[in-house]
Amino acid sequence: MDKKDSIILQQLEVIRSMTENNLRRMDNDFWGTPFANVGKSDSPASPGAGEAKKDQPPTADGKEKEPEVREEELPAEPIEDLLKELDGYIGLDAIKEEVRNLINMVQVYKLRREHDLPTTDMSLHMVFTGNPGTGKTMIARMMARIYRSLGILSKGQLVEVDRSGLVAGYVGQTAIKTSKVIEKAMGGVLFIDEAYALNGRSENDFGQEAIDTVLKAMEDHRDDLVVIVAGYTDLMHKFIHSNPGLESRFNRFLEFADYTTDEMMGIFKMQCKKGFYTLGEGVEELVRDYITEENVDPNTFGNGRGVRNIFENILVQQNNRLAAMETITREDLMTITEDDVLHARGKID
């Protein structure tokens, strides 16, 4: 191997390492968590991120999805810091308002109790509805931290699960399996994705057993367990209203709207900022066209998740371009060019 080949290999290794590190850091929250939070020990939610593999049908191979536990036993964070982080998320205006309303409700509720004034029952369980990639998992994680900050929950962890993590294949096993998940979630938030999949698919389906077990836990541990169920809007409404027990416990619906093109561009540019990437002349317009071209159906595109895919596709093309260069500067490593975007779109070979 001559000196030139050795230099090229070293450059390729630098590119690979930088890309992996940047993507790992950006995996925390693709929707726009403030840059100061990058590098903390939280796992993705990624909307988009944060929500990888969320809002997808159960796995076709029948394999069970293990419950995902995030940010276990978090310390209580100042509520002002959490609100500042919430405001830093791109879009989600209606959700931010609902979260603030909920925080105000909890704070007043606690003050009334401190002053020995009567209080009404306060339900903190929620239904998150909307298309894939709209930030549902990310906000569920935020709610766990907010409830911990307000002293509602003792730990503030998020335990994320779907049907396969709750339902077993034999009589009597589902209650045991579901109870183990609930035990992991005690002191935090149990987030059930695609919750409508728990509705019985046949006479011998054990989804209802899982629902009954969760409902009982919500009643028995109302002081230290919050349950959030999530999924597509119409299916979630049918699911909640199909069962009186669900209907009585879930009366707070948060609708996650699809992102606008401007918001998705904001998400893309936020990731460039986090990864120390800059857009060359004319690139922003090309990326906007790329998003518009791909986002024919927000459901299949995946909102923030679709933006993530576009971003990663462009980085692949940037890496290919850099690998063919004899010398690579710091500026080269940071710059995304028009050709990178056009190659990612398949407009040029």
Protein backbone atom coordinates (compact mmCIF):
# COMPACT_ATOMS: atom_id res chain seq x y z
CA MET A 1 0.00 0.00 0.00
CA ASP A 2 1.50 3.37 -1.00
CA LYS A 3 1.32 6.59 0.97
CA LYS A 4 -1.64 7.95 -1.02
CA ASP A 5 -3.73 4.84 -0.35
CA SER A 6 -2.84 5.03 3.34
CA ILE A 7 -3.98 8.66 3.54
CA ILE A 8 -7.28 7.84 1.80
CA LEU A 9 -7.95 4.98 4.25
CA GLN A 10 -7.25 7.27 7.18
CA GLN A 11 -9.63 9.87 5.76
CA LEU A 12 -12.34 7.26 5.26
CA GLU A 13 -11.97 6.14 8.88
CA VAL A 14 -12.31 9.75 10.07
CA ILE A 15 -15.45 10.21 7.97
CA ARG A 16 -16.97 6.95 9.24
CA SER A 17 -16.19 7.77 12.87
CA MET A 18 -17.56 11.32 12.65
CA THR A 19 -20.76 10.19 10.95
CA GLU A 20 -21.39 7.43 13.48
CA ASN A 21 -20.77 9.76 16.41
CA ASN A 22 -23.01 12.48 14.99
CA LEU A 23 -25.87 10.11 14.27
CA ARG A 24 -25.54 8.54 17.72
CA ARG A 25 -25.77 11.94 19.39
CA MET A 26 -28.64 13.06 17.18
CA ASP A 27 -30.54 9.88 17.98
CA ASN A 28 -31.57 11.37 21.34
CA ASP A 29 -34.43 13.41 19.91
CA PHE A 30 -34.80 14.12 16.23
CA TRP A 31 -37.54 16.66 16.76
CA GLY A 32 -35.39 19.45 18.03
CA THR A 33 -34.15 18.96 21.58
CA PRO A 34 -31.94 21.94 22.43
CA PHE A 35 -28.31 21.34 21.52
CA ALA A 36 -27.20 21.62 25.16
CA ASN A 37 -28.90 18.31 25.87
CA VAL A 38 -26.93 16.34 23.31
CA GLY A 39 -24.78 13.71 24.93
CA LYS A 40 -26.98 13.07 27.97
CA SER A 41 -27.75 9.49 28.78
CA ASP A 42 -31.31 9.51 27.47
CA SER A 43 -32.33 7.05 24.83
CA PRO A 44 -34.15 8.05 21.62
CA ALA A 45 -37.69 8.96 21.24
CA SER A 46 -36.83 9.77 18.48
CA PRO A 47 -40.30 11.85 16.77
CA GLY A 48 -39.35 11.07 14.72
CA ALA A 49 -36.29 9.71 16.21
CA GLY A 50 -37.26 9.15 19.58
CA GLU A 51 -39.86 7.14 17.95
CA ALA A 52 -37.95 4.71 15.87
CA LYS A 53 -40.08 1.68 15.08
CA LYS A 54 -43.09 3.31 16.76
CA ASP A 55 -46.50 3.47 15.19
CA GLN A 56 -45.63 0.42 13.14
CA PRO A 57 -47.68 -2.80 12.98
CA PRO A 58 -46.56 -5.69 15.21
CA THR A 59 -43.63 -7.64 13.81
CA ALA A 60 -44.58 -10.12 11.14
CA ASP A 61 -42.27 -12.80 12.48
CA GLY A 62 -44.20 -12.97 15.72
CA LYS A 63 -41.16 -12.22 17.86
CA GLU A 64 -41.89 -10.42 21.08
CA LYS A 65 -40.71 -6.90 21.60
CA GLU A 66 -39.06 -6.50 24.97
CA PRO A 67 -40.28 -3.51 27.00
CA GLU A 68 -37.95 -0.55 26.54
CA VAL A 69 -37.06 1.25 29.75
CA ARG A 70 -35.77 4.80 29.33
CA GLU A 71 -34.14 7.17 31.79
CA GLU A 72 -34.60 4.92 34.81
CA GLU A 73 -34.93 6.63 38.21
CA LEU A 74 -34.41 10.14 36.94
CA PRO A 75 -33.58 12.86 39.45
CA ALA A 76 -36.26 15.52 39.75
CA GLU A 77 -35.45 18.33 37.33
CA PRO A 78 -36.53 21.95 37.79
CA ILE A 79 -39.85 22.44 36.03
CA GLU A 80 -38.54 25.68 34.51
CA ASP A 81 -35.77 23.72 32.75
CA LEU A 82 -38.25 21.19 31.41
CA LEU A 83 -40.54 23.92 30.07
CA LYS A 84 -37.58 25.57 28.37
CA GLU A 85 -36.68 22.26 26.75
CA LEU A 86 -40.30 21.74 25.70
CA ASP A 87 -40.37 25.16 24.07
CA GLY A 88 -37.21 24.21 22.15
CA TYR A 89 -39.01 21.44 20.29
CA ILE A 90 -39.95 22.33 16.73
CA GLY A 91 -43.69 22.52 16.05
CA LEU A 92 -46.10 20.77 18.45
CA ASP A 93 -47.75 24.08 19.39
CA ALA A 94 -51.08 22.54 20.41
CA ILE A 95 -49.30 19.83 22.40
CA LYS A 96 -47.13 22.37 24.23
CA GLU A 97 -50.26 24.29 25.25
CA GLU A 98 -51.94 21.12 26.53
CA VAL A 99 -48.85 20.15 28.52
CA ARG A 100 -48.71 23.59 30.13
CA ASN A 101 -52.41 23.36 30.99
CA LEU A 102 -51.78 20.00 32.60
CA ILE A 103 -48.83 21.33 34.61
CA ASN A 104 -50.96 24.23 35.87
CA MET A 105 -53.74 21.83 36.84
CA VAL A 106 -51.38 19.62 38.82
CA GLN A 107 -49.77 22.56 40.61
CA VAL A 108 -53.12 24.04 41.65
CA TYR A 109 -54.35 20.59 42.72
CA LYS A 110 -51.34 20.19 45.00
CA LEU A 111 -51.80 23.69 46.47
CA ARG A 112 -55.46 22.99 47.28
CA ARG A 113 -54.47 19.80 49.07
CA GLU A 114 -51.80 21.66 51.04
CA HIS A 115 -54.46 24.13 52.15
CA ASP A 116 -56.94 21.38 53.09
CA LEU A 117 -59.32 22.37 50.32
CA PRO A 118 -61.48 19.79 48.50
CA THR A 119 -60.16 18.48 45.18
CA THR A 120 -61.73 16.57 42.34
CA ASP A 121 -60.26 13.34 41.01
CA MET A 122 -57.35 14.16 38.72
CA SER A 123 -56.66 11.75 35.87
CA LEU A 124 -53.13 11.97 34.51
CA HIS A 125 -53.48 9.08 32.06
CA MET A 126 -53.51 10.17 28.43
CA VAL A 127 -54.26 9.10 24.87
CA PHE A 128 -51.80 10.27 22.22
CA THR A 129 -53.18 10.16 18.68
CA GLY A 130 -51.63 10.96 15.33
CA ASN A 131 -49.59 9.67 12.43
CA PRO A 132 -46.12 8.12 12.74
CA GLY A 133 -43.20 10.40 13.48
CA THR A 134 -45.16 13.23 15.09
CA GLY A 135 -43.38 13.12 18.45
CA LYS A 136 -45.64 10.94 20.60
CA THR A 137 -42.88 8.91 22.24
CA MET A 138 -40.77 12.01 22.78
CA ILE A 139 -43.60 13.82 24.59
CA ALA A 140 -44.40 10.68 26.62
CA ARG A 141 -40.81 10.72 27.83
CA MET A 142 -41.12 14.43 28.60
CA MET A 143 -44.33 13.83 30.57
CA ALA A 144 -42.56 11.22 32.71
CA ARG A 145 -39.90 13.80 33.57
CA ILE A 146 -42.50 16.51 34.23
CA TYR A 147 -44.52 14.28 36.55
CA ARG A 148 -41.31 13.41 38.37
CA SER A 149 -40.46 17.10 38.69
CA LEU A 150 -43.91 17.86 40.12
CA GLY A 151 -43.64 15.05 42.65
CA ILE A 152 -46.44 13.02 41.06
CA LEU A 153 -44.15 10.09 40.19
CA SER A 154 -41.36 8.73 42.36
CA LYS A 155 -38.94 7.74 39.58
CA GLY A 156 -39.95 9.25 36.24
CA GLN A 157 -38.80 6.45 33.93
CA LEU A 158 -40.58 5.57 30.68
CA VAL A 159 -41.39 1.92 29.99
CA GLU A 160 -42.35 1.50 26.36
CA VAL A 161 -44.16 -1.58 25.09
CA ASP A 162 -46.57 -2.80 22.43
CA ARG A 163 -48.98 -5.73 22.22
CA SER A 164 -46.22 -8.32 21.89
CA GLY A 165 -44.70 -7.17 25.16
CA LEU A 166 -47.97 -7.68 27.07
CA VAL A 167 -49.85 -10.59 25.50
CA ALA A 168 -48.79 -14.23 25.86
CA GLY A 169 -49.96 -17.23 23.87
CA TYR A 170 -51.49 -19.36 26.62
CA VAL A 171 -54.24 -19.03 29.21
CA GLY A 172 -53.10 -17.34 32.40
CA GLN A 173 -49.75 -16.16 31.07
CA THR A 174 -50.81 -12.75 29.80
CA ALA A 175 -51.70 -11.42 33.25
CA ILE A 176 -48.29 -12.53 34.54
CA LYS A 177 -46.45 -11.04 31.56
CA THR A 178 -48.34 -7.75 31.79
CA SER A 179 -47.84 -7.53 35.54
CA LYS A 180 -44.07 -7.81 35.08
CA VAL A 181 -44.13 -4.88 32.67
CA ILE A 182 -46.26 -2.86 35.08
CA GLU A 183 -43.80 -3.61 37.86
CA LYS A 184 -41.00 -2.11 35.72
CA ALA A 185 -43.17 0.95 35.11
CA MET A 186 -44.04 1.61 38.76
CA GLY A 187 -43.01 5.13 39.70
CA GLY A 188 -43.02 6.18 36.05
CA VAL A 189 -44.97 6.10 32.81
CA LEU A 190 -46.13 2.98 30.98
CA PHE A 191 -46.32 3.89 27.28
CA ILE A 192 -48.33 1.40 25.20
CA ASP A 193 -47.81 1.95 21.49
CA GLU A 194 -50.45 0.78 18.99
CA ALA A 195 -52.67 0.05 21.98
CA TYR A 196 -55.69 -0.81 19.81
CA ALA A 197 -53.87 -4.00 18.78
CA LEU A 198 -54.85 -5.31 22.24
CA ASN A 199 -58.46 -5.60 21.11
CA GLY A 200 -59.31 -9.29 20.70
CA ARG A 201 -58.51 -10.66 17.27
CA SER A 202 -60.36 -13.92 17.90
CA GLU A 203 -62.22 -15.84 20.60
CA ASN A 204 -58.94 -17.19 21.95
CA ASP A 205 -57.14 -13.86 21.95
CA PHE A 206 -55.70 -12.73 25.28
CA GLY A 207 -55.51 -9.02 24.56
CA GLN A 208 -58.49 -8.30 26.82
CA GLU A 209 -56.66 -9.98 29.68
CA ALA A 210 -53.80 -7.52 29.21
CA ILE A 211 -56.26 -4.59 29.14
CA ASP A 212 -57.94 -5.78 32.35
CA THR A 213 -54.57 -6.18 34.08
CA VAL A 214 -53.50 -2.67 33.09
CA LEU A 215 -56.83 -1.18 34.20
CA LYS A 216 -56.55 -2.87 37.60
CA ALA A 217 -53.00 -1.55 38.03
CA MET A 218 -54.17 1.96 37.14
CA GLU A 219 -56.73 1.72 39.95
CA ASP A 220 -54.46 0.03 42.52
CA HIS A 221 -51.44 2.27 41.89
CA ARG A 222 -53.09 5.54 40.94
CA ASP A 223 -50.61 7.49 43.08
CA ASP A 224 -47.44 6.27 41.34
CA LEU A 225 -48.25 5.02 37.85
CA VAL A 226 -49.28 6.89 34.73
CA VAL A 227 -50.38 5.08 31.57
CA ILE A 228 -50.20 6.67 28.11
CA VAL A 229 -51.65 4.81 25.13
CA ALA A 230 -50.84 5.86 21.58
CA GLY A 231 -51.56 5.19 17.94
CA TYR A 232 -53.49 6.27 14.86
CA THR A 233 -56.31 8.69 15.63
CA ASP A 234 -59.41 6.83 14.41
CA LEU A 235 -58.27 3.47 15.74
CA MET A 236 -57.43 4.91 19.15
CA HIS A 237 -60.83 6.56 19.51
CA LYS A 238 -62.56 3.29 18.64
CA PHE A 239 -60.34 1.44 21.08
CA ILE A 240 -61.00 3.76 24.03
CA HIS A 241 -64.75 3.93 23.43
CA SER A 242 -65.06 0.17 23.01
CA ASN A 243 -64.52 -0.48 26.70
CA PRO A 244 -66.22 1.33 29.62
CA GLY A 245 -63.17 0.77 31.80
CA LEU A 246 -60.90 2.46 29.28
CA GLU A 247 -63.39 5.24 28.67
CA SER A 248 -63.61 6.10 32.37
CA ARG A 249 -59.85 6.23 32.90
CA PHE A 250 -58.68 7.86 29.66
CA ASN A 251 -60.39 11.21 29.18
CA ARG A 252 -57.43 13.32 28.12
CA PHE A 253 -56.67 13.16 24.38
CA LEU A 254 -53.66 14.85 22.80
CA GLU A 255 -53.78 15.03 19.01
CA PHE A 256 -50.36 15.19 17.31
CA ALA A 257 -50.70 17.00 14.00
CA ASP A 258 -48.54 16.27 10.96
CA TYR A 259 -45.56 18.55 10.55
CA THR A 260 -45.65 21.33 7.98
CA THR A 261 -42.92 21.59 5.37
CA ASP A 262 -41.46 24.58 7.24
CA GLU A 263 -41.36 22.58 10.47
CA MET A 264 -39.70 19.63 8.77
CA MET A 265 -37.10 21.98 7.31
CA GLY A 266 -36.58 23.27 10.83
CA ILE A 267 -36.01 19.71 12.02
CA PHE A 268 -33.51 19.11 9.22
CA LYS A 269 -31.60 22.30 10.00
CA MET A 270 -31.61 21.48 13.72
CA GLN A 271 -29.89 18.20 12.94
CA CYS A 272 -27.33 19.99 10.80
CA LYS A 273 -26.61 22.25 13.77
CA LYS A 274 -26.28 19.32 16.15
CA GLY A 275 -23.97 17.45 13.80
CA PHE A 276 -21.87 20.49 12.84
CA TYR A 277 -23.00 20.37 9.22
CA THR A 278 -23.47 23.47 7.07
CA LEU A 279 -25.59 23.80 3.93
CA GLY A 280 -23.86 25.04 0.81
CA GLU A 281 -25.36 27.64 -1.49
CA GLY A 282 -28.75 26.57 -2.87
CA VAL A 283 -28.88 23.41 -0.74
CA GLU A 284 -31.75 24.47 1.53
CA GLU A 285 -34.07 24.90 -1.45
CA LEU A 286 -33.10 21.47 -2.78
CA VAL A 287 -33.74 19.83 0.61
CA ARG A 288 -37.14 21.52 0.82
CA ASP A 289 -38.01 20.16 -2.62
CA TYR A 290 -36.77 16.71 -1.54
CA ILE A 291 -39.05 16.75 1.54
CA THR A 292 -42.03 17.96 -0.49
CA GLU A 293 -41.40 15.31 -3.14
CA GLU A 294 -41.22 12.48 -0.60
CA ASN A 295 -44.02 13.70 1.67
CA VAL A 296 -46.91 12.81 -0.62
CA ASP A 297 -48.56 10.90 2.24
CA PRO A 298 -47.53 11.96 5.80
CA ASN A 299 -48.59 8.55 7.05
CA THR A 300 -46.11 6.64 4.90
CA PHE A 301 -43.45 9.36 4.88
CA GLY A 302 -43.39 9.42 8.66
CA ASN A 303 -43.13 13.15 9.39
CA GLY A 304 -40.00 13.65 11.52
CA ARG A 305 -38.94 10.08 10.83
CA GLY A 306 -39.07 10.77 7.11
CA VAL A 307 -36.86 13.82 7.62
CA ARG A 308 -34.40 11.62 9.48
CA ASN A 309 -34.25 9.20 6.55
CA ILE A 310 -33.64 12.07 4.13
CA PHE A 311 -30.91 13.47 6.34
CA GLU A 312 -29.15 10.11 6.57
CA ASN A 313 -29.47 9.53 2.81
CA ILE A 314 -27.80 12.87 2.15
CA LEU A 315 -24.98 12.06 4.59
CA VAL A 316 -24.33 8.78 2.77
CA GLN A 317 -23.86 10.71 -0.46
CA GLN A 318 -21.64 13.27 1.25
CA ASN A 319 -19.46 10.43 2.56
CA ASN A 320 -19.20 8.94 -0.93
CA ARG A 321 -18.13 12.30 -2.33
CA LEU A 322 -15.52 12.84 0.38
CA ALA A 323 -14.11 9.34 -0.05
CA ALA A 324 -13.23 10.15 -3.66
CA MET A 325 -11.26 13.27 -2.72
CA GLU A 326 -7.49 13.18 -2.33
CA THR A 327 -7.41 15.67 0.52
CA ILE A 328 -10.23 16.55 2.90
CA THR A 329 -10.42 19.71 5.00
CA ARG A 330 -12.49 20.39 8.09
CA GLU A 331 -14.77 22.56 5.96
CA ASP A 332 -15.26 19.67 3.51
CA LEU A 333 -16.33 17.40 6.38
CA MET A 334 -18.90 19.95 7.51
CA THR A 335 -20.37 21.00 4.16
CA ILE A 336 -23.40 19.46 2.45
CA THR A 337 -23.48 20.33 -1.25
CA GLU A 338 -26.11 20.45 -3.97
CA ASP A 339 -24.64 17.31 -5.52
CA ASP A 340 -25.04 15.44 -2.20
CA VAL A 341 -28.77 16.20 -2.20
CA LEU A 342 -29.24 15.50 -5.89
CA HIS A 343 -27.49 12.14 -5.58
CA ALA A 344 -29.66 11.27 -2.58
CA ARG A 345 -32.77 12.10 -4.62
CA GLY A 346 -31.56 10.02 -7.54
CA LYS A 347 -31.49 13.06 -9.81
CA ILE A 348 -27.89 12.43 -10.84
CA ASP A 349 -25.76 9.28 -10.99
